[in-house]
Amino acid sequence: MTEGAIEAVRRLIWDYRMTPEEFITLLDGEIKPGGFDRIWAMRRAAEGLNYYDLLEIVGLQRLARDWPILKPTLRSQTRAKGIDYVLRKHHLSAPR
């Protein structure tokens, strides 16, 4: 990951006692009820990162993997539609 991406993660988690490495680890962690899990991390990234940082840090495969769970939790419908478009464009529709 580039230095710019690490700095973007730092800005994303500025209000948590968490390192960028711990945040990245959450992106492939378990989904558990309550607390910090990969859906929390994906939502935080999807809502807080710009498009290019989102693709570098989270990646299309992770987005596609969790999209059915993540999509309904996003506050911005514009962001959700944009991610839907990108996944379709790259033929990575979420599993049904």
PDB file of N, CA and C in Angstrom:
ATOM      1  N   MET A   1       0.851  -1.171   0.000  1.00  0.00           N
ATOM      2  CA  MET A   1       0.000   0.000   0.000  1.00  0.00           C
ATOM      3  C   MET A   1       0.899   1.237   0.000  1.00  0.00           C
ATOM      4  N   THR A   2       0.483   2.227  -0.750  1.00  0.00           N
ATOM      5  CA  THR A   2       1.292   3.438  -0.865  1.00  0.00           C
ATOM      6  C   THR A   2       1.217   4.270   0.421  1.00  0.00           C
ATOM      7  N   GLU A   3       2.159   5.156   0.546  1.00  0.00           N
ATOM      8  CA  GLU A   3       2.175   6.064   1.704  1.00  0.00           C
ATOM      9  C   GLU A   3       0.921   6.935   1.718  1.00  0.00           C
ATOM     10  N   GLY A   4       0.457   7.335   0.533  1.00  0.00           N
ATOM     11  CA  GLY A   4      -0.766   8.128   0.442  1.00  0.00           C
ATOM     12  C   GLY A   4      -1.980   7.364   0.940  1.00  0.00           C
ATOM     13  N   ALA A   5      -2.040   6.072   0.632  1.00  0.00           N
ATOM     14  CA  ALA A   5      -3.155   5.242   1.090  1.00  0.00           C
ATOM     15  C   ALA A   5      -3.098   5.061   2.608  1.00  0.00           C
ATOM     16  N   ILE A   6      -1.920   4.883   3.146  1.00  0.00           N
ATOM     17  CA  ILE A   6      -1.782   4.753   4.600  1.00  0.00           C
ATOM     18  C   ILE A   6      -2.237   6.031   5.284  1.00  0.00           C
ATOM     19  N   GLU A   7      -1.886   7.169   4.714  1.00  0.00           N
ATOM     20  CA  GLU A   7      -2.315   8.450   5.276  1.00  0.00           C
ATOM     21  C   GLU A   7      -3.836   8.602   5.167  1.00  0.00           C
ATOM     22  N   ALA A   8      -4.425   8.128   4.089  1.00  0.00           N
ATOM     23  CA  ALA A   8      -5.886   8.177   3.937  1.00  0.00           C
ATOM     24  C   ALA A   8      -6.564   7.335   5.013  1.00  0.00           C
ATOM     25  N   VAL A   9      -5.997   6.175   5.326  1.00  0.00           N
ATOM     26  CA  VAL A   9      -6.558   5.333   6.396  1.00  0.00           C
ATOM     27  C   VAL A   9      -6.412   6.036   7.746  1.00  0.00           C
ATOM     28  N   ARG A  10      -5.280   6.682   7.971  1.00  0.00           N
ATOM     29  CA  ARG A  10      -5.097   7.430   9.228  1.00  0.00           C
ATOM     30  C   ARG A  10      -6.175   8.495   9.394  1.00  0.00           C
ATOM     31  N   ARG A  11      -6.456   9.225   8.316  1.00  0.00           N
ATOM     32  CA  ARG A  11      -7.519  10.244   8.372  1.00  0.00           C
ATOM     33  C   ARG A  11      -8.888   9.610   8.586  1.00  0.00           C
ATOM     34  N   LEU A  12      -9.084   8.430   8.031  1.00  0.00           N
ATOM     35  CA  LEU A  12     -10.359   7.733   8.137  1.00  0.00           C
ATOM     36  C   LEU A  12     -10.641   7.279   9.571  1.00  0.00           C
ATOM     37  N   ILE A  13      -9.608   6.878  10.270  1.00  0.00           N
ATOM     38  CA  ILE A  13      -9.791   6.339  11.630  1.00  0.00           C
ATOM     39  C   ILE A  13      -9.231   7.275  12.700  1.00  0.00           C
ATOM     40  N   TRP A  14      -9.175   8.549  12.415  1.00  0.00           N
ATOM     41  CA  TRP A  14      -8.593   9.530  13.337  1.00  0.00           C
ATOM     42  C   TRP A  14      -9.235   9.486  14.718  1.00  0.00           C
ATOM     43  N   ASP A  15     -10.497   9.109  14.801  1.00  0.00           N
ATOM     44  CA  ASP A  15     -11.220   9.149  16.072  1.00  0.00           C
ATOM     45  C   ASP A  15     -11.264   7.790  16.777  1.00  0.00           C
ATOM     46  N   TYR A  16     -10.432   6.852  16.348  1.00  0.00           N
ATOM     47  CA  TYR A  16     -10.361   5.528  16.979  1.00  0.00           C
ATOM     48  C   TYR A  16      -8.925   5.225  17.362  1.00  0.00           C
ATOM     49  N   ARG A  17      -8.761   4.451  18.396  1.00  0.00           N
ATOM     50  CA  ARG A  17      -7.417   3.993  18.798  1.00  0.00           C
ATOM     51  C   ARG A  17      -7.110   2.728  18.007  1.00  0.00           C
ATOM     52  N   MET A  18      -6.679   2.948  16.780  1.00  0.00           N
ATOM     53  CA  MET A  18      -6.454   1.846  15.858  1.00  0.00           C
ATOM     54  C   MET A  18      -5.380   2.277  14.870  1.00  0.00           C
ATOM     55  N   THR A  19      -4.519   1.359  14.515  1.00  0.00           N
ATOM     56  CA  THR A  19      -3.497   1.656  13.514  1.00  0.00           C
ATOM     57  C   THR A  19      -4.053   1.354  12.123  1.00  0.00           C
ATOM     58  N   PRO A  20      -3.446   1.928  11.093  1.00  0.00           N
ATOM     59  CA  PRO A  20      -3.874   1.580   9.735  1.00  0.00           C
ATOM     60  C   PRO A  20      -3.772   0.079   9.462  1.00  0.00           C
ATOM     61  N   GLU A  21      -2.772  -0.559  10.009  1.00  0.00           N
ATOM     62  CA  GLU A  21      -2.602  -2.001   9.813  1.00  0.00           C
ATOM     63  C   GLU A  21      -3.754  -2.777  10.451  1.00  0.00           C
ATOM     64  N   GLU A  22      -4.185  -2.359  11.638  1.00  0.00           N
ATOM     65  CA  GLU A  22      -5.317  -3.022  12.295  1.00  0.00           C
ATOM     66  C   GLU A  22      -6.597  -2.830  11.483  1.00  0.00           C
ATOM     67  N   PHE A  23      -6.773  -1.644  10.918  1.00  0.00           N
ATOM     68  CA  PHE A  23      -7.942  -1.384  10.091  1.00  0.00           C
ATOM     69  C   PHE A  23      -7.936  -2.295   8.862  1.00  0.00           C
ATOM     70  N   ILE A  24      -6.804  -2.409   8.202  1.00  0.00           N
ATOM     71  CA  ILE A  24      -6.692  -3.266   7.015  1.00  0.00           C
ATOM     72  C   ILE A  24      -6.984  -4.715   7.387  1.00  0.00           C
ATOM     73  N   THR A  25      -6.511  -5.150   8.534  1.00  0.00           N
ATOM     74  CA  THR A  25      -6.777  -6.515   8.994  1.00  0.00           C
ATOM     75  C   THR A  25      -8.276  -6.749   9.170  1.00  0.00           C
ATOM     76  N   LEU A  26      -8.996  -5.735   9.642  1.00  0.00           N
ATOM     77  CA  LEU A  26     -10.447  -5.864   9.799  1.00  0.00           C
ATOM     78  C   LEU A  26     -11.150  -6.130   8.474  1.00  0.00           C
ATOM     79  N   LEU A  27     -10.615  -5.618   7.378  1.00  0.00           N
ATOM     80  CA  LEU A  27     -11.260  -5.777   6.070  1.00  0.00           C
ATOM     81  C   LEU A  27     -11.386  -7.234   5.646  1.00  0.00           C
ATOM     82  N   ASP A  28     -10.580  -8.107   6.197  1.00  0.00           N
ATOM     83  CA  ASP A  28     -10.680  -9.533   5.886  1.00  0.00           C
ATOM     84  C   ASP A  28     -11.047 -10.360   7.113  1.00  0.00           C
ATOM     85  N   GLY A  29     -11.453  -9.687   8.182  1.00  0.00           N
ATOM     86  CA  GLY A  29     -11.827 -10.385   9.407  1.00  0.00           C
ATOM     87  C   GLY A  29     -13.218 -10.982   9.337  1.00  0.00           C
ATOM     88  N   GLU A  30     -13.661 -11.443  10.465  1.00  0.00           N
ATOM     89  CA  GLU A  30     -14.981 -12.056  10.566  1.00  0.00           C
ATOM     90  C   GLU A  30     -16.075 -11.003  10.622  1.00  0.00           C
ATOM     91  N   ILE A  31     -17.283 -11.434  10.308  1.00  0.00           N
ATOM     92  CA  ILE A  31     -18.452 -10.588  10.514  1.00  0.00           C
ATOM     93  C   ILE A  31     -19.059 -11.049  11.833  1.00  0.00           C
ATOM     94  N   LYS A  32     -19.143 -10.133  12.792  1.00  0.00           N
ATOM     95  CA  LYS A  32     -19.680 -10.483  14.101  1.00  0.00           C
ATOM     96  C   LYS A  32     -20.685  -9.420  14.532  1.00  0.00           C
ATOM     97  N   PRO A  33     -21.625  -9.808  15.331  1.00  0.00           N
ATOM     98  CA  PRO A  33     -22.619  -8.821  15.783  1.00  0.00           C
ATOM     99  C   PRO A  33     -21.997  -7.791  16.719  1.00  0.00           C
ATOM    100  N   GLY A  34     -22.293  -6.517  16.467  1.00  0.00           N
ATOM    101  CA  GLY A  34     -21.802  -5.434  17.330  1.00  0.00           C
ATOM    102  C   GLY A  34     -20.308  -5.219  17.196  1.00  0.00           C
ATOM    103  N   GLY A  35     -19.867  -4.069  17.613  1.00  0.00           N
ATOM    104  CA  GLY A  35     -18.433  -3.783  17.644  1.00  0.00           C
ATOM    105  C   GLY A  35     -17.818  -3.613  16.273  1.00  0.00           C
ATOM    106  N   PHE A  36     -16.519  -3.737  16.237  1.00  0.00           N
ATOM    107  CA  PHE A  36     -15.774  -3.550  15.008  1.00  0.00           C
ATOM    108  C   PHE A  36     -15.624  -4.878  14.292  1.00  0.00           C
ATOM    109  N   ASP A  37     -16.043  -4.915  13.054  1.00  0.00           N
ATOM    110  CA  ASP A  37     -15.855  -6.091  12.219  1.00  0.00           C
ATOM    111  C   ASP A  37     -15.616  -5.619  10.799  1.00  0.00           C
ATOM    112  N   ARG A  38     -15.579  -6.539   9.866  1.00  0.00           N
ATOM    113  CA  ARG A  38     -15.220  -6.130   8.504  1.00  0.00           C
ATOM    114  C   ARG A  38     -16.305  -5.289   7.845  1.00  0.00           C
ATOM    115  N   ILE A  39     -17.575  -5.486   8.200  1.00  0.00           N
ATOM    116  CA  ILE A  39     -18.628  -4.655   7.612  1.00  0.00           C
ATOM    117  C   ILE A  39     -18.509  -3.227   8.139  1.00  0.00           C
ATOM    118  N   TRP A  40     -18.196  -3.075   9.410  1.00  0.00           N
ATOM    119  CA  TRP A  40     -17.961  -1.734   9.954  1.00  0.00           C
ATOM    120  C   TRP A  40     -16.816  -1.058   9.194  1.00  0.00           C
ATOM    121  N   ALA A  41     -15.712  -1.799   9.005  1.00  0.00           N
ATOM    122  CA  ALA A  41     -14.542  -1.236   8.319  1.00  0.00           C
ATOM    123  C   ALA A  41     -14.871  -0.898   6.861  1.00  0.00           C
ATOM    124  N   MET A  42     -15.612  -1.776   6.192  1.00  0.00           N
ATOM    125  CA  MET A  42     -15.986  -1.517   4.798  1.00  0.00           C
ATOM    126  C   MET A  42     -16.894  -0.290   4.702  1.00  0.00           C
ATOM    127  N   ARG A  43     -17.857  -0.178   5.616  1.00  0.00           N
ATOM    128  CA  ARG A  43     -18.756   0.981   5.599  1.00  0.00           C
ATOM    129  C   ARG A  43     -17.985   2.260   5.864  1.00  0.00           C
ATOM    130  N   ARG A  44     -17.096   2.225   6.839  1.00  0.00           N
ATOM    131  CA  ARG A  44     -16.281   3.399   7.161  1.00  0.00           C
ATOM    132  C   ARG A  44     -15.468   3.824   5.939  1.00  0.00           C
ATOM    133  N   ALA A  45     -14.878   2.843   5.257  1.00  0.00           N
ATOM    134  CA  ALA A  45     -14.078   3.144   4.064  1.00  0.00           C
ATOM    135  C   ALA A  45     -14.958   3.665   2.926  1.00  0.00           C
ATOM    136  N   ALA A  46     -16.077   3.006   2.676  1.00  0.00           N
ATOM    137  CA  ALA A  46     -16.949   3.399   1.573  1.00  0.00           C
ATOM    138  C   ALA A  46     -17.516   4.799   1.770  1.00  0.00           C
ATOM    139  N   GLU A  47     -17.778   5.163   3.006  1.00  0.00           N
ATOM    140  CA  GLU A  47     -18.343   6.487   3.283  1.00  0.00           C
ATOM    141  C   GLU A  47     -17.287   7.574   3.448  1.00  0.00           C
ATOM    142  N   GLY A  48     -16.050   7.185   3.762  1.00  0.00           N
ATOM    143  CA  GLY A  48     -15.050   8.189   4.091  1.00  0.00           C
ATOM    144  C   GLY A  48     -13.896   8.367   3.130  1.00  0.00           C
ATOM    145  N   LEU A  49     -13.713   7.433   2.210  1.00  0.00           N
ATOM    146  CA  LEU A  49     -12.590   7.522   1.282  1.00  0.00           C
ATOM    147  C   LEU A  49     -13.055   8.002  -0.082  1.00  0.00           C
ATOM    148  N   ASN A  50     -12.154   8.645  -0.808  1.00  0.00           N
ATOM    149  CA  ASN A  50     -12.488   8.962  -2.191  1.00  0.00           C
ATOM    150  C   ASN A  50     -12.384   7.683  -3.024  1.00  0.00           C
ATOM    151  N   TYR A  51     -12.879   7.763  -4.237  1.00  0.00           N
ATOM    152  CA  TYR A  51     -12.972   6.588  -5.114  1.00  0.00           C
ATOM    153  C   TYR A  51     -11.622   5.884  -5.284  1.00  0.00           C
ATOM    154  N   TYR A  52     -10.569   6.626  -5.558  1.00  0.00           N
ATOM    155  CA  TYR A  52      -9.272   6.016  -5.836  1.00  0.00           C
ATOM    156  C   TYR A  52      -8.670   5.362  -4.593  1.00  0.00           C
ATOM    157  N   ASP A  53      -8.795   6.017  -3.445  1.00  0.00           N
ATOM    158  CA  ASP A  53      -8.306   5.402  -2.209  1.00  0.00           C
ATOM    159  C   ASP A  53      -9.135   4.179  -1.850  1.00  0.00           C
ATOM    160  N   LEU A  54     -10.444   4.243  -2.074  1.00  0.00           N
ATOM    161  CA  LEU A  54     -11.309   3.097  -1.803  1.00  0.00           C
ATOM    162  C   LEU A  54     -10.868   1.889  -2.620  1.00  0.00           C
ATOM    163  N   LEU A  55     -10.592   2.098  -3.891  1.00  0.00           N
ATOM    164  CA  LEU A  55     -10.155   0.979  -4.730  1.00  0.00           C
ATOM    165  C   LEU A  55      -8.790   0.454  -4.319  1.00  0.00           C
ATOM    166  N   GLU A  56      -7.877   1.349  -3.933  1.00  0.00           N
ATOM    167  CA  GLU A  56      -6.542   0.898  -3.530  1.00  0.00           C
ATOM    168  C   GLU A  56      -6.574   0.169  -2.188  1.00  0.00           C
ATOM    169  N   ILE A  57      -7.317   0.698  -1.238  1.00  0.00           N
ATOM    170  CA  ILE A  57      -7.295   0.155   0.118  1.00  0.00           C
ATOM    171  C   ILE A  57      -8.228  -1.042   0.264  1.00  0.00           C
ATOM    172  N   VAL A  58      -9.445  -0.912  -0.210  1.00  0.00           N
ATOM    173  CA  VAL A  58     -10.432  -1.985  -0.054  1.00  0.00           C
ATOM    174  C   VAL A  58     -10.381  -2.947  -1.238  1.00  0.00           C
ATOM    175  N   GLY A  59     -10.389  -2.416  -2.434  1.00  0.00           N
ATOM    176  CA  GLY A  59     -10.334  -3.254  -3.630  1.00  0.00           C
ATOM    177  C   GLY A  59     -11.706  -3.740  -4.073  1.00  0.00           C
ATOM    178  N   LEU A  60     -11.813  -4.025  -5.346  1.00  0.00           N
ATOM    179  CA  LEU A  60     -13.080  -4.453  -5.920  1.00  0.00           C
ATOM    180  C   LEU A  60     -13.522  -5.823  -5.428  1.00  0.00           C
ATOM    181  N   GLN A  61     -12.588  -6.723  -5.231  1.00  0.00           N
ATOM    182  CA  GLN A  61     -12.959  -8.071  -4.784  1.00  0.00           C
ATOM    183  C   GLN A  61     -13.609  -8.041  -3.402  1.00  0.00           C
ATOM    184  N   ARG A  62     -13.031  -7.267  -2.482  1.00  0.00           N
ATOM    185  CA  ARG A  62     -13.625  -7.156  -1.146  1.00  0.00           C
ATOM    186  C   ARG A  62     -14.998  -6.492  -1.212  1.00  0.00           C
ATOM    187  N   LEU A  63     -15.111  -5.434  -2.024  1.00  0.00           N
ATOM    188  CA  LEU A  63     -16.400  -4.767  -2.167  1.00  0.00           C
ATOM    189  C   LEU A  63     -17.455  -5.731  -2.689  1.00  0.00           C
ATOM    190  N   ALA A  64     -17.121  -6.478  -3.720  1.00  0.00           N
ATOM    191  CA  ALA A  64     -18.072  -7.433  -4.300  1.00  0.00           C
ATOM    192  C   ALA A  64     -18.445  -8.515  -3.294  1.00  0.00           C
ATOM    193  N   ARG A  65     -17.472  -8.988  -2.539  1.00  0.00           N
ATOM    194  CA  ARG A  65     -17.709 -10.051  -1.565  1.00  0.00           C
ATOM    195  C   ARG A  65     -18.773  -9.656  -0.541  1.00  0.00           C
ATOM    196  N   ASP A  66     -18.711  -8.418  -0.062  1.00  0.00           N
ATOM    197  CA  ASP A  66     -19.591  -7.998   1.028  1.00  0.00           C
ATOM    198  C   ASP A  66     -20.696  -7.033   0.606  1.00  0.00           C
ATOM    199  N   TRP A  67     -20.833  -6.783  -0.693  1.00  0.00           N
ATOM    200  CA  TRP A  67     -21.773  -5.777  -1.153  1.00  0.00           C
ATOM    201  C   TRP A  67     -23.224  -6.023  -0.716  1.00  0.00           C
ATOM    202  N   PRO A  68     -23.740  -7.254  -0.768  1.00  0.00           N
ATOM    203  CA  PRO A  68     -25.138  -7.454  -0.338  1.00  0.00           C
ATOM    204  C   PRO A  68     -25.382  -7.066   1.128  1.00  0.00           C
ATOM    205  N   ILE A  69     -24.398  -7.209   1.968  1.00  0.00           N
ATOM    206  CA  ILE A  69     -24.534  -6.840   3.381  1.00  0.00           C
ATOM    207  C   ILE A  69     -24.243  -5.355   3.570  1.00  0.00           C
ATOM    208  N   LEU A  70     -23.246  -4.851   2.856  1.00  0.00           N
ATOM    209  CA  LEU A  70     -22.797  -3.472   3.026  1.00  0.00           C
ATOM    210  C   LEU A  70     -23.761  -2.447   2.438  1.00  0.00           C
ATOM    211  N   LYS A  71     -24.284  -2.718   1.258  1.00  0.00           N
ATOM    212  CA  LYS A  71     -25.093  -1.732   0.532  1.00  0.00           C
ATOM    213  C   LYS A  71     -26.232  -1.144   1.373  1.00  0.00           C
ATOM    214  N   PRO A  72     -27.052  -1.957   2.051  1.00  0.00           N
ATOM    215  CA  PRO A  72     -28.168  -1.368   2.804  1.00  0.00           C
ATOM    216  C   PRO A  72     -27.737  -0.523   4.005  1.00  0.00           C
ATOM    217  N   THR A  73     -26.477  -0.629   4.400  1.00  0.00           N
ATOM    218  CA  THR A  73     -26.020   0.115   5.578  1.00  0.00           C
ATOM    219  C   THR A  73     -25.446   1.486   5.235  1.00  0.00           C
ATOM    220  N   LEU A  74     -25.213   1.752   3.940  1.00  0.00           N
ATOM    221  CA  LEU A  74     -24.633   3.039   3.539  1.00  0.00           C
ATOM    222  C   LEU A  74     -25.665   4.149   3.664  1.00  0.00           C
ATOM    223  N   ARG A  75     -25.228   5.273   4.185  1.00  0.00           N
ATOM    224  CA  ARG A  75     -26.112   6.427   4.330  1.00  0.00           C
ATOM    225  C   ARG A  75     -26.346   7.135   3.006  1.00  0.00           C
ATOM    226  N   SER A  76     -25.362   7.133   2.136  1.00  0.00           N
ATOM    227  CA  SER A  76     -25.453   7.858   0.862  1.00  0.00           C
ATOM    228  C   SER A  76     -25.901   6.922  -0.262  1.00  0.00           C
ATOM    229  N   GLN A  77     -27.093   7.165  -0.776  1.00  0.00           N
ATOM    230  CA  GLN A  77     -27.575   6.379  -1.906  1.00  0.00           C
ATOM    231  C   GLN A  77     -26.759   6.674  -3.173  1.00  0.00           C
ATOM    232  N   THR A  78     -26.249   7.878  -3.275  1.00  0.00           N
ATOM    233  CA  THR A  78     -25.400   8.226  -4.416  1.00  0.00           C
ATOM    234  C   THR A  78     -24.137   7.376  -4.403  1.00  0.00           C
ATOM    235  N   ARG A  79     -23.541   7.227  -3.229  1.00  0.00           N
ATOM    236  CA  ARG A  79     -22.336   6.392  -3.101  1.00  0.00           C
ATOM    237  C   ARG A  79     -22.670   4.933  -3.425  1.00  0.00           C
ATOM    238  N   ALA A  80     -23.807   4.448  -2.928  1.00  0.00           N
ATOM    239  CA  ALA A  80     -24.218   3.065  -3.190  1.00  0.00           C
ATOM    240  C   ALA A  80     -24.420   2.837  -4.687  1.00  0.00           C
ATOM    241  N   LYS A  81     -25.061   3.768  -5.361  1.00  0.00           N
ATOM    242  CA  LYS A  81     -25.271   3.642  -6.807  1.00  0.00           C
ATOM    243  C   LYS A  81     -23.941   3.660  -7.549  1.00  0.00           C
ATOM    244  N   GLY A  82     -23.009   4.487  -7.101  1.00  0.00           N
ATOM    245  CA  GLY A  82     -21.693   4.545  -7.731  1.00  0.00           C
ATOM    246  C   GLY A  82     -20.935   3.240  -7.593  1.00  0.00           C
ATOM    247  N   ILE A  83     -20.973   2.652  -6.413  1.00  0.00           N
ATOM    248  CA  ILE A  83     -20.280   1.372  -6.201  1.00  0.00           C
ATOM    249  C   ILE A  83     -20.969   0.272  -7.001  1.00  0.00           C
ATOM    250  N   ASP A  84     -22.300   0.276  -7.045  1.00  0.00           N
ATOM    251  CA  ASP A  84     -23.031  -0.678  -7.889  1.00  0.00           C
ATOM    252  C   ASP A  84     -22.536  -0.595  -9.330  1.00  0.00           C
ATOM    253  N   TYR A  85     -22.431   0.625  -9.834  1.00  0.00           N
ATOM    254  CA  TYR A  85     -21.993   0.844 -11.211  1.00  0.00           C
ATOM    255  C   TYR A  85     -20.586   0.278 -11.438  1.00  0.00           C
ATOM    256  N   VAL A  86     -19.677   0.581 -10.519  1.00  0.00           N
ATOM    257  CA  VAL A  86     -18.295   0.119 -10.671  1.00  0.00           C
ATOM    258  C   VAL A  86     -18.236  -1.406 -10.649  1.00  0.00           C
ATOM    259  N   LEU A  87     -18.974  -2.037  -9.761  1.00  0.00           N
ATOM    260  CA  LEU A  87     -18.969  -3.500  -9.698  1.00  0.00           C
ATOM    261  C   LEU A  87     -19.535  -4.112 -10.986  1.00  0.00           C
ATOM    262  N   ARG A  88     -20.607  -3.527 -11.510  1.00  0.00           N
ATOM    263  CA  ARG A  88     -21.173  -4.024 -12.781  1.00  0.00           C
ATOM    264  C   ARG A  88     -20.193  -3.809 -13.927  1.00  0.00           C
ATOM    265  N   LYS A  89     -19.567  -2.640 -13.958  1.00  0.00           N
ATOM    266  CA  LYS A  89     -18.614  -2.306 -15.023  1.00  0.00           C
ATOM    267  C   LYS A  89     -17.468  -3.310 -15.085  1.00  0.00           C
ATOM    268  N   HIS A  90     -17.043  -3.757 -13.926  1.00  0.00           N
ATOM    269  CA  HIS A  90     -15.924  -4.705 -13.852  1.00  0.00           C
ATOM    270  C   HIS A  90     -16.407  -6.153 -13.767  1.00  0.00           C
ATOM    271  N   HIS A  91     -17.705  -6.350 -14.000  1.00  0.00           N
ATOM    272  CA  HIS A  91     -18.292  -7.690 -13.988  1.00  0.00           C
ATOM    273  C   HIS A  91     -18.054  -8.418 -12.662  1.00  0.00           C
ATOM    274  N   LEU A  92     -18.184  -7.657 -11.577  1.00  0.00           N
ATOM    275  CA  LEU A  92     -17.983  -8.234 -10.257  1.00  0.00           C
ATOM    276  C   LEU A  92     -19.248  -8.094  -9.421  1.00  0.00           C
ATOM    277  N   SER A  93     -20.367  -8.361 -10.024  1.00  0.00           N
ATOM    278  CA  SER A  93     -21.614  -8.265  -9.276  1.00  0.00           C
ATOM    279  C   SER A  93     -21.524  -9.160  -8.054  1.00  0.00           C
ATOM    280  N   ALA A  94     -22.153  -8.704  -7.018  1.00  0.00           N
ATOM    281  CA  ALA A  94     -22.132  -9.440  -5.758  1.00  0.00           C
ATOM    282  C   ALA A  94     -22.873 -10.756  -5.918  1.00  0.00           C
ATOM    283  N   PRO A  95     -22.427 -11.790  -5.207  1.00  0.00           N
ATOM    284  CA  PRO A  95     -23.131 -13.071  -5.257  1.00  0.00           C
ATOM    285  C   PRO A  95     -24.548 -12.936  -4.708  1.00  0.00           C
ATOM    286  N   ARG A  96     -25.468 -13.683  -5.227  1.00  0.00           N
ATOM    287  CA  ARG A  96     -26.856 -13.597  -4.771  1.00  0.00           C
ATOM    288  C   ARG A  96     -27.241 -14.813  -3.987  1.00  0.00           C
TER     289      ARG A  96
END
